[in-house]
């Protein structure tokens, strides 16, 4: 029994290693979209492992076909769930992932950058939906405040942020004591009120009795 299990594990590992190149090539399709290539390969290998574990030869589907669909699904799910700094609606996510390869395909076929209406016809969406997806895709990665601008004359965003002014505390303290300062319009009134308070009267009463 242990020998059978070991044999199955060895065959599984060999199958995964044999199709590793497929996983890497599929991951490369998604490069340049704000994710590190090493991370994409890891996601693709997870998809390959799932495909090998779920593959059933009795269904008549080639393992490369089944693995390709599983790996692509894993990569698309990764972008939909994790790779966006601001997550747009799911339909926009999925349309963006369909638009990207179509842009490359049409560019090769036409020898120029495709028009929006050409892309829309190929993916089966309206021009407005394609524009929405492309706009969302261009905003999927957040820019670091410390990133160096392309123009050397422009300062990093972090250098333009304001900082807490410690003098605000002094202003609060000044406003609290200002009514009691000599020359303040309310200073004499507050002094009279303090002098005529019950505590002040009680403090002076023994002197009057003498």
Protein backbone atom coordinates (compact mmCIF):
# COMPACT_ATOMS: atom_id res chain seq x y z
CA UNK A 1 0.00 0.00 0.00
CA UNK A 2 2.81 2.39 0.89
CA UNK A 3 4.55 1.46 -2.37
CA UNK A 4 1.41 2.30 -4.39
CA UNK A 5 1.06 5.65 -2.65
CA UNK A 6 4.71 6.45 -3.27
CA UNK A 7 4.37 5.52 -6.94
CA UNK A 8 1.31 7.77 -7.36
CA UNK A 9 3.07 10.67 -5.66
CA UNK A 10 6.10 10.24 -7.89
CA UNK A 11 3.93 10.14 -11.03
CA UNK A 12 2.08 13.28 -9.87
CA UNK A 13 5.33 15.17 -9.29
CA UNK A 14 6.69 14.07 -12.67
CA UNK A 15 3.52 15.23 -14.42
CA UNK A 16 3.70 18.64 -12.72
CA UNK A 17 7.36 19.03 -13.64
CA UNK A 18 6.74 17.93 -17.22
CA UNK A 19 4.10 20.64 -17.68
CA UNK A 20 5.96 23.36 -15.77
CA UNK A 21 6.83 25.09 -19.05
CA UNK A 22 3.13 25.38 -19.88
CA UNK A 23 2.48 27.11 -16.56
CA UNK A 24 5.36 29.54 -17.10
CA UNK A 25 4.25 30.42 -20.64
CA UNK A 26 0.68 31.08 -19.49
CA UNK A 27 1.92 33.24 -16.62
CA UNK A 28 3.95 35.28 -19.13
CA UNK A 29 0.70 36.29 -20.86
CA UNK A 30 -0.20 38.30 -17.77
CA UNK A 31 3.15 40.05 -17.33
CA UNK A 32 3.28 43.84 -17.39
CA UNK A 33 0.05 44.23 -15.45
CA UNK A 34 1.47 45.35 -12.13
CA UNK A 35 2.44 41.92 -10.77
CA UNK A 36 5.92 40.42 -10.41
CA UNK A 37 6.65 37.59 -12.84
CA UNK A 38 7.77 35.30 -10.01
CA UNK A 39 4.41 35.78 -8.30
CA UNK A 40 2.55 35.00 -11.51
CA UNK A 41 4.56 31.80 -11.97
CA UNK A 42 3.71 30.71 -8.45
CA UNK A 43 0.01 31.28 -9.12
CA UNK A 44 0.27 29.37 -12.42
CA UNK A 45 2.00 26.45 -10.68
CA UNK A 46 -0.79 26.34 -8.11
CA UNK A 47 -3.24 26.09 -10.98
CA UNK A 48 -1.14 23.35 -12.58
CA UNK A 49 -1.07 21.38 -9.33
CA UNK A 50 -4.86 21.65 -9.03
CA UNK A 51 -5.25 20.53 -12.64
CA UNK A 52 -3.06 17.45 -12.13
CA UNK A 53 -4.93 16.52 -8.94
CA UNK A 54 -8.36 16.90 -10.60
CA UNK A 55 -7.54 15.45 -14.02
CA UNK A 56 -9.58 12.46 -15.12
CA UNK A 57 -8.24 10.74 -18.24
CA UNK A 58 -11.52 8.83 -18.66
CA UNK A 59 -13.25 12.04 -19.77
CA UNK A 60 -11.22 12.06 -22.98
CA UNK A 61 -9.75 15.54 -22.50
CA UNK A 62 -6.01 16.00 -22.99
CA UNK A 63 -4.23 16.96 -19.80
CA UNK A 64 -2.68 20.01 -21.52
CA UNK A 65 -6.15 21.28 -22.44
CA UNK A 66 -7.49 20.73 -18.94
CA UNK A 67 -4.39 22.23 -17.32
CA UNK A 68 -4.47 25.31 -19.56
CA UNK A 69 -8.05 26.10 -18.58
CA UNK A 70 -7.32 25.54 -14.89
CA UNK A 71 -4.14 27.63 -14.89
CA UNK A 72 -5.77 30.52 -16.75
CA UNK A 73 -8.67 30.42 -14.32
CA UNK A 74 -6.27 30.61 -11.39
CA UNK A 75 -4.38 33.54 -12.91
CA UNK A 76 -7.59 35.45 -13.66
CA UNK A 77 -8.86 34.82 -10.16
CA UNK A 78 -5.58 36.14 -8.76
CA UNK A 79 -5.95 39.41 -10.67
CA UNK A 80 -9.62 39.70 -9.82
CA UNK A 81 -9.15 39.14 -6.09
CA UNK A 82 -5.70 40.39 -5.13
CA UNK A 83 -3.83 42.42 -7.70
CA UNK A 84 -5.93 45.59 -7.70
CA UNK A 85 -5.27 48.43 -5.28
CA UNK A 86 -8.88 49.56 -5.80
CA UNK A 87 -11.22 46.74 -6.73
CA UNK A 88 -13.71 47.60 -9.52
CA UNK A 89 -16.88 45.57 -10.19
CA UNK A 90 -16.32 41.95 -11.17
CA UNK A 91 -17.63 42.44 -14.71
CA UNK A 92 -15.06 45.20 -15.25
CA UNK A 93 -12.31 42.93 -13.89
CA UNK A 94 -13.22 40.11 -16.23
CA UNK A 95 -13.64 42.35 -19.26
CA UNK A 96 -10.22 43.91 -18.66
CA UNK A 97 -8.63 40.44 -18.61
CA UNK A 98 -10.34 39.64 -21.93
CA UNK A 99 -9.38 42.96 -23.51
CA UNK A 100 -5.64 42.71 -22.82
CA UNK A 101 -4.86 39.65 -25.01
CA UNK A 102 -7.22 40.94 -27.70
CA UNK A 103 -5.25 44.18 -27.89
CA UNK A 104 -2.09 42.18 -28.58
CA UNK A 105 -3.81 39.92 -31.12
CA UNK A 106 -5.32 42.79 -33.09
CA UNK A 107 -2.06 44.73 -33.02
CA UNK A 108 -0.31 41.77 -34.66
CA UNK A 109 -3.11 41.20 -37.16
CA UNK A 110 -3.55 44.84 -38.19
CA UNK A 111 0.03 46.05 -37.83
CA UNK A 112 -1.21 49.03 -35.81
CA UNK A 113 -2.94 49.85 -32.55
CA UNK A 114 -6.56 48.68 -32.79
CA UNK A 115 -9.46 51.08 -32.45
CA UNK A 116 -11.85 50.78 -29.54
CA UNK A 117 -14.71 49.65 -31.77
CA UNK A 118 -12.51 46.87 -33.20
CA UNK A 119 -11.64 45.66 -29.71
CA UNK A 120 -15.29 45.87 -28.67
CA UNK A 121 -16.42 43.71 -31.59
CA UNK A 122 -13.77 41.09 -30.83
CA UNK A 123 -14.67 40.76 -27.12
CA UNK A 124 -18.42 41.12 -27.67
CA UNK A 125 -18.88 44.27 -25.60
CA UNK A 126 -19.80 47.88 -26.23
CA UNK A 127 -17.18 50.56 -26.82
CA UNK A 128 -18.20 52.24 -23.56
CA UNK A 129 -17.67 49.01 -21.61
CA UNK A 130 -14.24 48.50 -23.17
CA UNK A 131 -13.23 52.05 -22.30
CA UNK A 132 -14.44 51.54 -18.73
CA UNK A 133 -12.42 48.33 -18.40
CA UNK A 134 -9.27 49.90 -19.86
CA UNK A 135 -9.61 52.93 -17.59
CA UNK A 136 -10.04 50.69 -14.54
CA UNK A 137 -7.01 48.66 -15.59
CA UNK A 138 -4.84 51.73 -15.86
CA UNK A 139 -5.65 52.54 -12.21
CA UNK A 140 -5.22 49.04 -10.77
CA UNK A 141 -1.85 49.73 -9.11
CA UNK A 142 -1.34 52.40 -6.46
CA UNK A 143 1.69 54.69 -6.77
CA UNK A 144 4.05 54.94 -3.83
CA UNK A 145 4.29 58.38 -2.24
CA UNK A 146 8.06 57.94 -2.25
CA UNK A 147 8.30 56.93 -5.90
CA UNK A 148 10.70 59.04 -7.96
CA UNK A 149 8.84 61.05 -10.62
CA UNK A 150 9.85 60.61 -14.24
CA UNK A 151 10.58 64.33 -14.36
CA UNK A 152 13.58 65.14 -12.15
CA UNK A 153 12.21 68.62 -11.63
CA UNK A 154 9.15 67.28 -9.84
CA UNK A 155 9.40 66.41 -6.14
CA UNK A 156 8.08 63.08 -4.78
CA UNK A 157 4.51 63.24 -3.51
CA UNK A 158 5.65 62.53 0.05
CA UNK A 159 7.60 65.79 0.11
CA UNK A 160 4.41 67.73 -0.64
CA UNK A 161 2.40 66.36 2.29
CA UNK A 162 1.80 68.64 5.24
CA UNK A 163 3.05 67.91 8.75
CA UNK A 164 1.58 68.62 12.17
CA UNK A 165 2.47 72.12 13.35
CA UNK A 166 3.59 72.00 16.98
CA UNK A 167 2.61 75.64 17.41
CA UNK A 168 -1.07 74.65 17.42
CA UNK A 169 -0.66 73.47 21.02
CA UNK A 170 0.71 76.88 21.97
CA UNK A 171 -2.26 78.55 20.34
CA UNK A 172 -4.67 76.49 22.43
CA UNK A 173 -2.82 77.35 25.62
CA UNK A 174 -2.74 81.02 24.70
CA UNK A 175 -6.48 81.12 24.02
CA UNK A 176 -7.15 79.43 27.38
CA UNK A 177 -5.29 82.03 29.45
CA UNK A 178 -5.89 85.09 27.28
CA UNK A 179 -9.09 86.21 29.14
CA UNK A 180 -7.07 86.47 32.36
CA UNK A 181 -4.16 88.45 30.91
CA UNK A 182 -3.83 92.15 31.84
CA UNK A 183 -5.34 94.36 29.19
CA UNK A 184 -7.82 91.73 28.05
CA UNK A 185 -11.37 93.15 27.64
CA UNK A 186 -12.74 90.42 29.91
CA UNK A 187 -9.93 90.49 32.46
CA UNK A 188 -11.55 93.09 34.82
CA UNK A 189 -14.95 91.47 34.63
CA UNK A 190 -13.54 88.04 35.47
CA UNK A 191 -11.50 89.52 38.34
CA UNK A 192 -14.63 91.18 39.80
CA UNK A 193 -16.57 87.97 39.44
CA UNK A 194 -13.85 86.05 41.24
CA UNK A 195 -13.69 88.68 44.00
CA UNK A 196 -17.46 88.57 44.60
CA UNK A 197 -17.76 84.82 44.50
CA UNK A 198 -19.07 83.04 47.66
CA UNK A 199 -15.63 81.63 48.34
CA UNK A 200 -14.15 85.12 48.29
CA UNK A 201 -16.86 86.44 50.61
CA UNK A 202 -16.30 83.62 53.08
CA UNK A 203 -12.59 84.26 52.96
CA UNK A 204 -13.13 88.00 53.88
CA UNK A 205 -15.91 87.60 56.43
CA UNK A 206 -13.66 87.00 59.51
CA UNK A 207 -11.90 90.28 58.81
CA UNK A 208 -15.18 92.15 58.83
CA UNK A 209 -16.27 90.59 62.14
CA UNK A 210 -13.12 91.85 63.81
